[in-house]
Amino acid sequence: MGKFVITKRTNGEFQFNLKAGNGQTILASEGYTTKAACENGIESVRKNSQEDARYDRKESSNGKPYFNLKATNGQIIGNSEMYESVAARENGIESVKKNAPDATIDDQSA
């Protein structure tokens, strides 16, 4: 089962990573100024992860596929790692869809 891991950056911002059951990070958030805002971001991922249209499939400048997950307002709420192939990116998206709704929260920010 997946889990959201909340951590605190050296600059004091909070961030979360969605990890798959195998421990691999499949989605990383931006920095948030408060833990409450970070937790809202997690809820937004849970809600938006089930809609395929919310995934913005991209290609980096070096040709590696990746994706951003966007909220209904178009704001990016999470981004993926760089993948070696389009098929691997699609597997990453499916993993987010599968893991996000029921993922537990592991708060390591304290």
N, C-alpha and C. Protein backbone atom coordinates (compact mmCIF):
# COMPACT_ATOMS: atom_id res chain seq x y z
N MET A 1 0.83 -1.19 0.00
CA MET A 1 0.00 0.00 0.00
C MET A 1 0.87 1.25 0.00
N GLY A 2 0.42 2.26 -0.69
CA GLY A 2 1.19 3.50 -0.79
C GLY A 2 1.09 4.35 0.45
N LYS A 3 1.98 5.33 0.53
CA LYS A 3 1.90 6.27 1.64
C LYS A 3 2.44 7.63 1.21
N PHE A 4 1.88 8.65 1.82
CA PHE A 4 2.37 10.02 1.67
C PHE A 4 3.34 10.27 2.81
N VAL A 5 4.55 10.70 2.49
CA VAL A 5 5.54 11.01 3.51
C VAL A 5 5.74 12.52 3.53
N ILE A 6 5.42 13.14 4.68
CA ILE A 6 5.60 14.58 4.85
C ILE A 6 6.96 14.82 5.48
N THR A 7 7.75 15.69 4.87
CA THR A 7 9.06 16.06 5.43
C THR A 7 9.18 17.58 5.44
N LYS A 8 10.17 18.05 6.15
CA LYS A 8 10.44 19.48 6.23
C LYS A 8 11.77 19.76 5.54
N ARG A 9 11.77 20.73 4.63
CA ARG A 9 12.99 21.12 3.91
C ARG A 9 13.88 21.97 4.82
N THR A 10 15.13 22.12 4.41
CA THR A 10 16.06 22.94 5.20
C THR A 10 15.61 24.39 5.29
N ASN A 11 14.81 24.85 4.30
CA ASN A 11 14.32 26.24 4.34
C ASN A 11 13.04 26.37 5.16
N GLY A 12 12.61 25.28 5.82
CA GLY A 12 11.43 25.34 6.68
C GLY A 12 10.13 24.98 5.98
N GLU A 13 10.15 24.81 4.67
CA GLU A 13 8.93 24.45 3.95
C GLU A 13 8.63 22.96 4.14
N PHE A 14 7.34 22.64 4.04
CA PHE A 14 6.89 21.26 4.11
C PHE A 14 6.69 20.74 2.70
N GLN A 15 6.94 19.46 2.51
CA GLN A 15 6.67 18.83 1.22
C GLN A 15 6.21 17.40 1.47
N PHE A 16 5.58 16.80 0.46
CA PHE A 16 5.21 15.39 0.58
C PHE A 16 5.68 14.64 -0.65
N ASN A 17 5.94 13.37 -0.45
CA ASN A 17 6.20 12.44 -1.54
C ASN A 17 5.19 11.32 -1.41
N LEU A 18 4.62 10.93 -2.54
CA LEU A 18 3.78 9.74 -2.57
C LEU A 18 4.67 8.58 -2.94
N LYS A 19 4.71 7.58 -2.06
CA LYS A 19 5.55 6.41 -2.31
C LYS A 19 4.66 5.21 -2.57
N ALA A 20 5.09 4.39 -3.54
CA ALA A 20 4.37 3.15 -3.84
C ALA A 20 4.67 2.13 -2.75
N GLY A 21 3.99 1.00 -2.81
CA GLY A 21 4.18 -0.05 -1.82
C GLY A 21 5.62 -0.53 -1.71
N ASN A 22 6.38 -0.41 -2.81
CA ASN A 22 7.78 -0.85 -2.81
C ASN A 22 8.73 0.23 -2.29
N GLY A 23 8.17 1.38 -1.86
CA GLY A 23 8.99 2.45 -1.31
C GLY A 23 9.50 3.46 -2.32
N GLN A 24 9.24 3.23 -3.59
CA GLN A 24 9.69 4.16 -4.63
C GLN A 24 8.80 5.39 -4.67
N THR A 25 9.42 6.59 -4.76
CA THR A 25 8.66 7.82 -4.87
C THR A 25 8.04 7.91 -6.26
N ILE A 26 6.72 8.10 -6.31
CA ILE A 26 6.04 8.19 -7.60
C ILE A 26 5.47 9.58 -7.87
N LEU A 27 5.44 10.44 -6.84
CA LEU A 27 4.97 11.80 -7.02
C LEU A 27 5.57 12.66 -5.92
N ALA A 28 6.09 13.83 -6.29
CA ALA A 28 6.69 14.75 -5.32
C ALA A 28 5.97 16.09 -5.39
N SER A 29 5.79 16.72 -4.23
CA SER A 29 5.07 18.00 -4.19
C SER A 29 6.03 19.17 -4.27
N GLU A 30 5.42 20.34 -4.39
CA GLU A 30 6.14 21.60 -4.23
C GLU A 30 6.38 21.83 -2.74
N GLY A 31 7.01 22.92 -2.40
CA GLY A 31 7.18 23.30 -1.01
C GLY A 31 5.98 24.09 -0.52
N TYR A 32 5.55 23.82 0.71
CA TYR A 32 4.42 24.53 1.32
C TYR A 32 4.92 25.25 2.57
N THR A 33 4.37 26.44 2.83
CA THR A 33 4.82 27.21 3.99
C THR A 33 4.28 26.67 5.30
N THR A 34 3.14 25.96 5.26
CA THR A 34 2.57 25.40 6.49
C THR A 34 2.26 23.92 6.29
N LYS A 35 2.20 23.20 7.41
CA LYS A 35 1.85 21.78 7.33
C LYS A 35 0.41 21.63 6.87
N ALA A 36 -0.47 22.54 7.29
CA ALA A 36 -1.87 22.47 6.87
C ALA A 36 -1.99 22.57 5.35
N ALA A 37 -1.24 23.46 4.75
CA ALA A 37 -1.26 23.60 3.29
C ALA A 37 -0.73 22.33 2.62
N CYS A 38 0.28 21.73 3.21
CA CYS A 38 0.84 20.47 2.70
C CYS A 38 -0.22 19.37 2.76
N GLU A 39 -0.93 19.29 3.88
CA GLU A 39 -1.98 18.29 4.04
C GLU A 39 -3.12 18.53 3.04
N ASN A 40 -3.43 19.79 2.76
CA ASN A 40 -4.43 20.11 1.73
C ASN A 40 -3.96 19.62 0.36
N GLY A 41 -2.65 19.75 0.11
CA GLY A 41 -2.07 19.25 -1.14
C GLY A 41 -2.26 17.75 -1.28
N ILE A 42 -2.08 17.03 -0.18
CA ILE A 42 -2.29 15.58 -0.18
C ILE A 42 -3.74 15.26 -0.53
N GLU A 43 -4.67 15.97 0.09
CA GLU A 43 -6.09 15.73 -0.20
C GLU A 43 -6.40 16.03 -1.67
N SER A 44 -5.75 17.05 -2.21
CA SER A 44 -5.95 17.39 -3.62
C SER A 44 -5.43 16.27 -4.52
N VAL A 45 -4.30 15.67 -4.15
CA VAL A 45 -3.78 14.53 -4.92
C VAL A 45 -4.77 13.37 -4.86
N ARG A 46 -5.27 13.07 -3.67
CA ARG A 46 -6.24 11.97 -3.53
C ARG A 46 -7.43 12.18 -4.49
N LYS A 47 -7.94 13.42 -4.50
CA LYS A 47 -9.13 13.75 -5.27
C LYS A 47 -8.85 13.76 -6.78
N ASN A 48 -7.76 14.39 -7.17
CA ASN A 48 -7.48 14.59 -8.60
C ASN A 48 -6.79 13.40 -9.27
N SER A 49 -6.21 12.50 -8.49
CA SER A 49 -5.43 11.41 -9.07
C SER A 49 -6.27 10.44 -9.90
N GLN A 50 -7.57 10.42 -9.68
CA GLN A 50 -8.42 9.46 -10.39
C GLN A 50 -8.86 9.94 -11.76
N GLU A 51 -8.61 11.21 -12.08
CA GLU A 51 -9.03 11.75 -13.38
C GLU A 51 -7.85 11.84 -14.32
N ASP A 52 -7.90 11.05 -15.38
CA ASP A 52 -6.78 10.99 -16.32
C ASP A 52 -6.45 12.36 -16.91
N ALA A 53 -7.48 13.20 -17.09
CA ALA A 53 -7.27 14.52 -17.69
C ALA A 53 -6.41 15.43 -16.81
N ARG A 54 -6.25 15.09 -15.53
CA ARG A 54 -5.45 15.91 -14.62
C ARG A 54 -3.94 15.65 -14.78
N TYR A 55 -3.60 14.62 -15.54
CA TYR A 55 -2.18 14.30 -15.75
C TYR A 55 -1.68 15.00 -17.00
N ASP A 56 -0.69 15.85 -16.80
CA ASP A 56 -0.08 16.59 -17.89
C ASP A 56 1.19 15.83 -18.29
N ARG A 57 1.11 15.12 -19.41
CA ARG A 57 2.23 14.31 -19.86
C ARG A 57 3.23 15.19 -20.60
N LYS A 58 4.47 15.19 -20.15
CA LYS A 58 5.48 16.11 -20.66
C LYS A 58 6.73 15.35 -21.10
N GLU A 59 7.64 16.11 -21.73
CA GLU A 59 8.96 15.57 -22.06
C GLU A 59 9.99 16.62 -21.68
N SER A 60 11.03 16.20 -20.96
CA SER A 60 12.06 17.14 -20.52
C SER A 60 12.95 17.55 -21.69
N SER A 61 13.79 18.54 -21.46
CA SER A 61 14.67 19.04 -22.52
C SER A 61 15.64 17.96 -23.01
N ASN A 62 15.91 16.96 -22.18
CA ASN A 62 16.80 15.88 -22.62
C ASN A 62 16.02 14.68 -23.16
N GLY A 63 14.71 14.87 -23.40
CA GLY A 63 13.91 13.85 -24.05
C GLY A 63 13.29 12.81 -23.13
N LYS A 64 13.44 12.97 -21.82
CA LYS A 64 12.88 11.97 -20.90
C LYS A 64 11.43 12.33 -20.56
N PRO A 65 10.54 11.34 -20.64
CA PRO A 65 9.14 11.58 -20.29
C PRO A 65 8.94 11.75 -18.78
N TYR A 66 7.99 12.59 -18.41
CA TYR A 66 7.58 12.76 -17.02
C TYR A 66 6.16 13.29 -17.03
N PHE A 67 5.57 13.45 -15.85
CA PHE A 67 4.22 14.02 -15.79
C PHE A 67 4.07 14.92 -14.58
N ASN A 68 3.10 15.84 -14.71
CA ASN A 68 2.65 16.68 -13.60
C ASN A 68 1.20 16.32 -13.33
N LEU A 69 0.83 16.31 -12.06
CA LEU A 69 -0.58 16.15 -11.68
C LEU A 69 -1.11 17.53 -11.32
N LYS A 70 -2.21 17.91 -11.95
CA LYS A 70 -2.76 19.25 -11.75
C LYS A 70 -4.10 19.20 -11.04
N ALA A 71 -4.37 20.24 -10.27
CA ALA A 71 -5.67 20.40 -9.62
C ALA A 71 -6.67 20.95 -10.63
N THR A 72 -7.92 21.06 -10.21
CA THR A 72 -8.96 21.56 -11.11
C THR A 72 -8.68 22.99 -11.58
N ASN A 73 -7.94 23.77 -10.77
CA ASN A 73 -7.63 25.15 -11.15
C ASN A 73 -6.39 25.23 -12.03
N GLY A 74 -5.80 24.08 -12.39
CA GLY A 74 -4.64 24.07 -13.27
C GLY A 74 -3.31 24.14 -12.55
N GLN A 75 -3.34 24.32 -11.23
CA GLN A 75 -2.10 24.40 -10.46
C GLN A 75 -1.47 23.01 -10.32
N ILE A 76 -0.15 22.94 -10.47
CA ILE A 76 0.55 21.67 -10.31
C ILE A 76 0.60 21.30 -8.84
N ILE A 77 0.15 20.09 -8.51
CA ILE A 77 0.18 19.63 -7.12
C ILE A 77 1.21 18.54 -6.90
N GLY A 78 1.76 18.03 -7.98
CA GLY A 78 2.81 17.02 -7.84
C GLY A 78 3.47 16.74 -9.17
N ASN A 79 4.72 16.33 -9.12
CA ASN A 79 5.41 15.97 -10.35
C ASN A 79 6.17 14.66 -10.16
N SER A 80 6.38 14.00 -11.27
CA SER A 80 7.00 12.68 -11.25
C SER A 80 8.51 12.79 -11.45
N GLU A 81 9.14 11.63 -11.34
CA GLU A 81 10.55 11.52 -11.71
C GLU A 81 10.64 11.54 -13.23
N MET A 82 11.86 11.52 -13.75
CA MET A 82 12.07 11.37 -15.19
C MET A 82 12.09 9.86 -15.49
N TYR A 83 11.39 9.49 -16.55
CA TYR A 83 11.30 8.09 -16.94
C TYR A 83 12.14 7.83 -18.18
N GLU A 84 12.48 6.57 -18.39
CA GLU A 84 13.28 6.18 -19.55
C GLU A 84 12.43 6.00 -20.80
N SER A 85 11.12 5.81 -20.62
CA SER A 85 10.25 5.59 -21.77
C SER A 85 8.85 6.11 -21.47
N VAL A 86 8.07 6.30 -22.54
CA VAL A 86 6.68 6.72 -22.39
C VAL A 86 5.90 5.64 -21.65
N ALA A 87 6.18 4.38 -21.94
CA ALA A 87 5.48 3.27 -21.26
C ALA A 87 5.75 3.31 -19.76
N ALA A 88 6.97 3.61 -19.37
CA ALA A 88 7.31 3.69 -17.94
C ALA A 88 6.56 4.85 -17.29
N ARG A 89 6.44 5.98 -18.02
CA ARG A 89 5.67 7.12 -17.50
C ARG A 89 4.21 6.72 -17.29
N GLU A 90 3.63 6.02 -18.24
CA GLU A 90 2.24 5.58 -18.10
C GLU A 90 2.08 4.65 -16.90
N ASN A 91 3.07 3.79 -16.67
CA ASN A 91 3.04 2.92 -15.49
C ASN A 91 3.08 3.76 -14.21
N GLY A 92 3.87 4.85 -14.23
CA GLY A 92 3.94 5.75 -13.08
C GLY A 92 2.60 6.40 -12.79
N ILE A 93 1.92 6.83 -13.84
CA ILE A 93 0.59 7.44 -13.68
C ILE A 93 -0.38 6.42 -13.10
N GLU A 94 -0.36 5.20 -13.62
CA GLU A 94 -1.24 4.15 -13.09
C GLU A 94 -0.94 3.87 -11.63
N SER A 95 0.32 3.94 -11.26
CA SER A 95 0.72 3.71 -9.87
C SER A 95 0.17 4.80 -8.96
N VAL A 96 0.19 6.05 -9.41
CA VAL A 96 -0.39 7.15 -8.62
C VAL A 96 -1.89 6.92 -8.47
N LYS A 97 -2.56 6.57 -9.57
CA LYS A 97 -4.01 6.33 -9.52
C LYS A 97 -4.34 5.22 -8.53
N LYS A 98 -3.51 4.19 -8.49
CA LYS A 98 -3.77 3.03 -7.63
C LYS A 98 -3.44 3.34 -6.17
N ASN A 99 -2.34 4.06 -5.91
CA ASN A 99 -1.85 4.24 -4.55
C ASN A 99 -2.44 5.45 -3.81
N ALA A 100 -2.72 6.54 -4.52
CA ALA A 100 -3.09 7.79 -3.85
C ALA A 100 -4.38 7.73 -3.01
N PRO A 101 -5.46 7.12 -3.49
CA PRO A 101 -6.72 7.24 -2.74
C PRO A 101 -6.66 6.70 -1.32
N ASP A 102 -5.99 5.59 -1.11
CA ASP A 102 -5.99 4.93 0.20
C ASP A 102 -4.64 5.03 0.92
N ALA A 103 -3.74 5.84 0.40
CA ALA A 103 -2.41 5.94 0.99
C ALA A 103 -2.48 6.52 2.40
N THR A 104 -1.68 5.97 3.29
CA THR A 104 -1.59 6.49 4.66
C THR A 104 -0.69 7.72 4.64
N ILE A 105 -0.67 8.45 5.75
CA ILE A 105 0.21 9.62 5.87
C ILE A 105 1.25 9.32 6.94
N ASP A 106 2.50 9.47 6.56
CA ASP A 106 3.64 9.27 7.46
C ASP A 106 4.30 10.63 7.64
N ASP A 107 4.02 11.29 8.77
CA ASP A 107 4.53 12.64 9.02
C ASP A 107 5.91 12.55 9.67
N GLN A 108 6.94 12.87 8.89
CA GLN A 108 8.32 12.85 9.39
C GLN A 108 8.89 14.26 9.55
N SER A 109 7.98 15.26 9.61
CA SER A 109 8.42 16.66 9.62
C SER A 109 8.76 17.16 11.02
N ALA A 110 8.39 16.43 12.04
CA ALA A 110 8.60 16.93 13.42
C ALA A 110 10.05 16.79 13.85
